Amino acid sequence: MEPLLCYPDPPAVALTNALDSASYPWLAVGDADKAGQAEPSDGWAGAVVSAVENPDGAFTLCRSLRKRDAPLAPLLLVVATHQLAELELREDLFDDFVLADATAEEVEARLGHLLWRTGRGKRHDVIAYGPLALNLETYQAVVAGR
């Protein structure tokens, strides 16, 4: 899985702990230019943008990530309770939001759901032998891609 883009640099400790405990790779950036420079060759898996400390910078980054030729999705926005009103008319800049005081389990659940919806969720245990691939969780078998 490609890393998640995280903003700001450095991100909040609670957020990094949640991402680390869920085993999501991540890379922090300070602005849109650095996000473009650090982007992996296969692109970002998604983004987690915190608007708690610098809402203007966060919304600028979100806007930049959405205005690209290939808009970045999913994008999880982290906000404080007093910032909820600021989300109005900005719904196109993020896919979901979470409050800054959310538990690590909630962050993992929301992010996991967003990644699953875009086809970038965590891979299940798959055993491959030649053209045969067997998903150990669902018991689905695929032979030569079928």
C-alpha atoms as a PDB file:
ATOM      1  CA  MET A   1       0.000   0.000   0.000  1.00  0.00           C
ATOM      2  CA  GLU A   2       1.261   3.452  -0.892  1.00  0.00           C
ATOM      3  CA  PRO A   3       1.624   5.931   1.968  1.00  0.00           C
ATOM      4  CA  LEU A   4      -1.070   8.310   3.114  1.00  0.00           C
ATOM      5  CA  LEU A   5      -0.320  12.002   2.793  1.00  0.00           C
ATOM      6  CA  CYS A   6      -0.528  13.666   6.224  1.00  0.00           C
ATOM      7  CA  TYR A   7      -0.750  17.370   6.964  1.00  0.00           C
ATOM      8  CA  PRO A   8       0.716  19.277   8.763  1.00  0.00           C
ATOM      9  CA  ASP A   9       4.346  18.377   9.222  1.00  0.00           C
ATOM     10  CA  PRO A  10       4.679  17.171  11.912  1.00  0.00           C
ATOM     11  CA  PRO A  11       1.180  15.796  12.430  1.00  0.00           C
ATOM     12  CA  ALA A  12      -0.431  15.535  15.855  1.00  0.00           C
ATOM     13  CA  VAL A  13       0.941  12.706  17.970  1.00  0.00           C
ATOM     14  CA  ALA A  14      -2.528  11.221  18.534  1.00  0.00           C
ATOM     15  CA  LEU A  15      -3.058  11.037  14.775  1.00  0.00           C
ATOM     16  CA  THR A  16       0.296   9.407  14.068  1.00  0.00           C
ATOM     17  CA  ASN A  17      -0.327   6.924  16.869  1.00  0.00           C
ATOM     18  CA  ALA A  18      -3.696   6.027  15.316  1.00  0.00           C
ATOM     19  CA  LEU A  19      -2.152   5.562  11.863  1.00  0.00           C
ATOM     20  CA  ASP A  20       0.749   3.550  13.243  1.00  0.00           C
ATOM     21  CA  SER A  21      -1.484   1.293  15.342  1.00  0.00           C
ATOM     22  CA  ALA A  22      -3.573   0.576  12.225  1.00  0.00           C
ATOM     23  CA  SER A  23      -0.351  -0.141  10.268  1.00  0.00           C
ATOM     24  CA  TYR A  24      -1.015   2.556   7.670  1.00  0.00           C
ATOM     25  CA  PRO A  25       2.151   3.932   6.064  1.00  0.00           C
ATOM     26  CA  TRP A  26       2.155   7.738   6.032  1.00  0.00           C
ATOM     27  CA  LEU A  27       4.324  10.699   5.070  1.00  0.00           C
ATOM     28  CA  ALA A  28       3.890  14.208   6.467  1.00  0.00           C
ATOM     29  CA  VAL A  29       4.095  17.289   4.240  1.00  0.00           C
ATOM     30  CA  GLY A  30       3.926  20.980   5.027  1.00  0.00           C
ATOM     31  CA  ASP A  31       2.156  22.296   1.911  1.00  0.00           C
ATOM     32  CA  ALA A  32       0.873  21.435  -1.570  1.00  0.00           C
ATOM     33  CA  ASP A  33       4.268  21.912  -3.236  1.00  0.00           C
ATOM     34  CA  LYS A  34       5.914  19.450  -0.868  1.00  0.00           C
ATOM     35  CA  ALA A  35       3.005  17.045  -1.391  1.00  0.00           C
ATOM     36  CA  GLY A  36       3.694  17.085  -5.124  1.00  0.00           C
ATOM     37  CA  GLN A  37       7.440  16.647  -4.666  1.00  0.00           C
ATOM     38  CA  ALA A  38       7.076  13.758  -2.212  1.00  0.00           C
ATOM     39  CA  GLU A  39       4.284  11.948  -4.068  1.00  0.00           C
ATOM     40  CA  PRO A  40       5.111   8.283  -4.694  1.00  0.00           C
ATOM     41  CA  SER A  41       5.268   7.082  -8.304  1.00  0.00           C
ATOM     42  CA  ASP A  42       1.991   5.171  -7.845  1.00  0.00           C
ATOM     43  CA  GLY A  43       0.373   8.165  -6.138  1.00  0.00           C
ATOM     44  CA  TRP A  44      -0.854   8.655  -2.602  1.00  0.00           C
ATOM     45  CA  ALA A  45      -3.174   6.052  -1.089  1.00  0.00           C
ATOM     46  CA  GLY A  46      -5.211   8.941   0.326  1.00  0.00           C
ATOM     47  CA  ALA A  47      -4.789  11.882   2.657  1.00  0.00           C
ATOM     48  CA  VAL A  48      -5.387  12.761   6.287  1.00  0.00           C
ATOM     49  CA  VAL A  49      -5.431  16.538   6.665  1.00  0.00           C
ATOM     50  CA  SER A  50      -5.696  18.221  10.053  1.00  0.00           C
ATOM     51  CA  ALA A  51      -7.291  21.667  10.111  1.00  0.00           C
ATOM     52  CA  VAL A  52      -6.969  22.047  13.880  1.00  0.00           C
ATOM     53  CA  GLU A  53      -3.828  24.212  14.022  1.00  0.00           C
ATOM     54  CA  ASN A  54      -3.878  25.889  10.597  1.00  0.00           C
ATOM     55  CA  PRO A  55      -7.316  25.709   8.956  1.00  0.00           C
ATOM     56  CA  ASP A  56      -6.385  28.046   6.089  1.00  0.00           C
ATOM     57  CA  GLY A  57      -3.357  25.929   5.185  1.00  0.00           C
ATOM     58  CA  ALA A  58      -5.393  22.732   5.499  1.00  0.00           C
ATOM     59  CA  PHE A  59      -8.202  23.935   3.242  1.00  0.00           C
ATOM     60  CA  THR A  60      -5.683  25.286   0.726  1.00  0.00           C
ATOM     61  CA  LEU A  61      -4.019  21.864   0.597  1.00  0.00           C
ATOM     62  CA  CYS A  62      -7.392  20.091   0.274  1.00  0.00           C
ATOM     63  CA  ARG A  63      -8.373  22.401  -2.576  1.00  0.00           C
ATOM     64  CA  SER A  64      -5.050  21.733  -4.317  1.00  0.00           C
ATOM     65  CA  LEU A  65      -5.412  17.961  -3.928  1.00  0.00           C
ATOM     66  CA  ARG A  66      -8.932  18.052  -5.373  1.00  0.00           C
ATOM     67  CA  LYS A  67      -8.120  20.361  -8.319  1.00  0.00           C
ATOM     68  CA  ARG A  68      -5.451  18.075  -9.815  1.00  0.00           C
ATOM     69  CA  ASP A  69      -5.943  16.180 -13.079  1.00  0.00           C
ATOM     70  CA  ALA A  70      -6.563  13.097 -10.933  1.00  0.00           C
ATOM     71  CA  PRO A  71      -8.192  14.396  -7.719  1.00  0.00           C
ATOM     72  CA  LEU A  72      -6.874  12.712  -4.604  1.00  0.00           C
ATOM     73  CA  ALA A  73      -9.359  10.514  -2.795  1.00  0.00           C
ATOM     74  CA  PRO A  74     -10.048   9.537  -0.156  1.00  0.00           C
ATOM     75  CA  LEU A  75      -9.388  12.579   1.975  1.00  0.00           C
ATOM     76  CA  LEU A  76     -10.122  12.481   5.711  1.00  0.00           C
ATOM     77  CA  LEU A  77     -10.285  15.894   7.372  1.00  0.00           C
ATOM     78  CA  VAL A  78      -9.508  16.281  11.081  1.00  0.00           C
ATOM     79  CA  VAL A  79     -11.234  19.222  12.784  1.00  0.00           C
ATOM     80  CA  ALA A  80     -11.900  20.520  16.278  1.00  0.00           C
ATOM     81  CA  THR A  81     -15.470  20.746  17.549  1.00  0.00           C
ATOM     82  CA  HIS A  82     -15.518  24.546  17.253  1.00  0.00           C
ATOM     83  CA  GLN A  83     -14.575  24.252  13.539  1.00  0.00           C
ATOM     84  CA  LEU A  84     -17.619  22.251  12.453  1.00  0.00           C
ATOM     85  CA  ALA A  85     -19.396  25.350  11.122  1.00  0.00           C
ATOM     86  CA  GLU A  86     -16.386  26.029   8.856  1.00  0.00           C
ATOM     87  CA  LEU A  87     -17.127  22.824   6.924  1.00  0.00           C
ATOM     88  CA  GLU A  88     -20.283  24.270   5.398  1.00  0.00           C
ATOM     89  CA  LEU A  89     -19.901  24.862   1.646  1.00  0.00           C
ATOM     90  CA  ARG A  90     -16.561  23.003   1.698  1.00  0.00           C
ATOM     91  CA  GLU A  91     -18.001  19.500   1.416  1.00  0.00           C
ATOM     92  CA  ASP A  92     -16.296  18.998  -1.955  1.00  0.00           C
ATOM     93  CA  LEU A  93     -12.857  19.305  -0.333  1.00  0.00           C
ATOM     94  CA  PHE A  94     -13.029  16.099   1.737  1.00  0.00           C
ATOM     95  CA  ASP A  95     -14.699  12.685   1.763  1.00  0.00           C
ATOM     96  CA  ASP A  96     -15.259  12.420   5.510  1.00  0.00           C
ATOM     97  CA  PHE A  97     -14.209  14.189   8.675  1.00  0.00           C
ATOM     98  CA  VAL A  98     -13.347  13.183  12.187  1.00  0.00           C
ATOM     99  CA  LEU A  99     -13.069  15.255  15.348  1.00  0.00           C
ATOM    100  CA  ALA A 100      -9.568  15.800  16.683  1.00  0.00           C
ATOM    101  CA  ASP A 101     -10.422  14.106  19.977  1.00  0.00           C
ATOM    102  CA  ALA A 102     -11.632  10.909  18.266  1.00  0.00           C
ATOM    103  CA  THR A 103     -10.227   7.624  19.466  1.00  0.00           C
ATOM    104  CA  ALA A 104      -7.623   5.751  17.447  1.00  0.00           C
ATOM    105  CA  GLU A 105     -10.265   3.107  16.759  1.00  0.00           C
ATOM    106  CA  GLU A 106     -12.622   5.674  15.218  1.00  0.00           C
ATOM    107  CA  VAL A 107      -9.876   7.126  13.023  1.00  0.00           C
ATOM    108  CA  GLU A 108      -8.960   3.613  11.884  1.00  0.00           C
ATOM    109  CA  ALA A 109     -12.604   2.723  11.175  1.00  0.00           C
ATOM    110  CA  ARG A 110     -13.324   5.889   9.192  1.00  0.00           C
ATOM    111  CA  LEU A 111     -10.097   5.691   7.223  1.00  0.00           C
ATOM    112  CA  GLY A 112     -10.535   1.982   6.586  1.00  0.00           C
ATOM    113  CA  HIS A 113     -14.049   2.572   5.258  1.00  0.00           C
ATOM    114  CA  LEU A 114     -12.893   5.378   2.968  1.00  0.00           C
ATOM    115  CA  LEU A 115      -9.998   3.330   1.621  1.00  0.00           C
ATOM    116  CA  TRP A 116     -12.243   0.317   1.077  1.00  0.00           C
ATOM    117  CA  ARG A 117     -14.732   2.448  -0.904  1.00  0.00           C
ATOM    118  CA  THR A 118     -11.943   3.551  -3.248  1.00  0.00           C
ATOM    119  CA  GLY A 119     -10.461   0.077  -3.611  1.00  0.00           C
ATOM    120  CA  ARG A 120      -7.361   0.896  -1.618  1.00  0.00           C
ATOM    121  CA  GLY A 121      -8.148  -0.971   1.581  1.00  0.00           C
ATOM    122  CA  LYS A 122      -5.736  -3.246   3.316  1.00  0.00           C
ATOM    123  CA  ARG A 123      -5.073  -6.443   1.407  1.00  0.00           C
ATOM    124  CA  HIS A 124      -6.381  -9.589   2.946  1.00  0.00           C
ATOM    125  CA  ASP A 125      -4.097 -12.564   3.291  1.00  0.00           C
ATOM    126  CA  VAL A 126      -3.689 -13.944  -0.207  1.00  0.00           C
ATOM    127  CA  ILE A 127      -1.653 -16.973  -1.165  1.00  0.00           C
ATOM    128  CA  ALA A 128      -0.503 -17.081  -4.771  1.00  0.00           C
ATOM    129  CA  TYR A 129       0.866 -20.128  -6.566  1.00  0.00           C
ATOM    130  CA  GLY A 130       1.472 -19.563 -10.251  1.00  0.00           C
ATOM    131  CA  PRO A 131      -1.812 -18.401 -11.775  1.00  0.00           C
ATOM    132  CA  LEU A 132      -3.808 -19.424  -8.667  1.00  0.00           C
ATOM    133  CA  ALA A 133      -4.567 -16.871  -5.932  1.00  0.00           C
ATOM    134  CA  LEU A 134      -6.547 -17.817  -2.816  1.00  0.00           C
ATOM    135  CA  ASN A 135      -7.941 -15.216  -0.403  1.00  0.00           C
ATOM    136  CA  LEU A 136      -7.703 -16.816   3.042  1.00  0.00           C
ATOM    137  CA  GLU A 137     -10.332 -14.532   4.548  1.00  0.00           C
ATOM    138  CA  THR A 138     -13.082 -14.975   1.950  1.00  0.00           C
ATOM    139  CA  TYR A 139     -11.957 -18.320   0.475  1.00  0.00           C
ATOM    140  CA  GLN A 140     -12.268 -16.836  -3.000  1.00  0.00           C
ATOM    141  CA  ALA A 141     -10.019 -18.361  -5.627  1.00  0.00           C
ATOM    142  CA  VAL A 142      -8.796 -16.644  -8.765  1.00  0.00           C
ATOM    143  CA  VAL A 143      -7.087 -18.484 -11.612  1.00  0.00           C
ATOM    144  CA  ALA A 144      -5.256 -16.387 -14.192  1.00  0.00           C
ATOM    145  CA  GLY A 145      -7.143 -13.274 -13.102  1.00  0.00           C
ATOM    146  CA  ARG A 146     -10.635 -14.849 -13.424  1.00  0.00           C
END
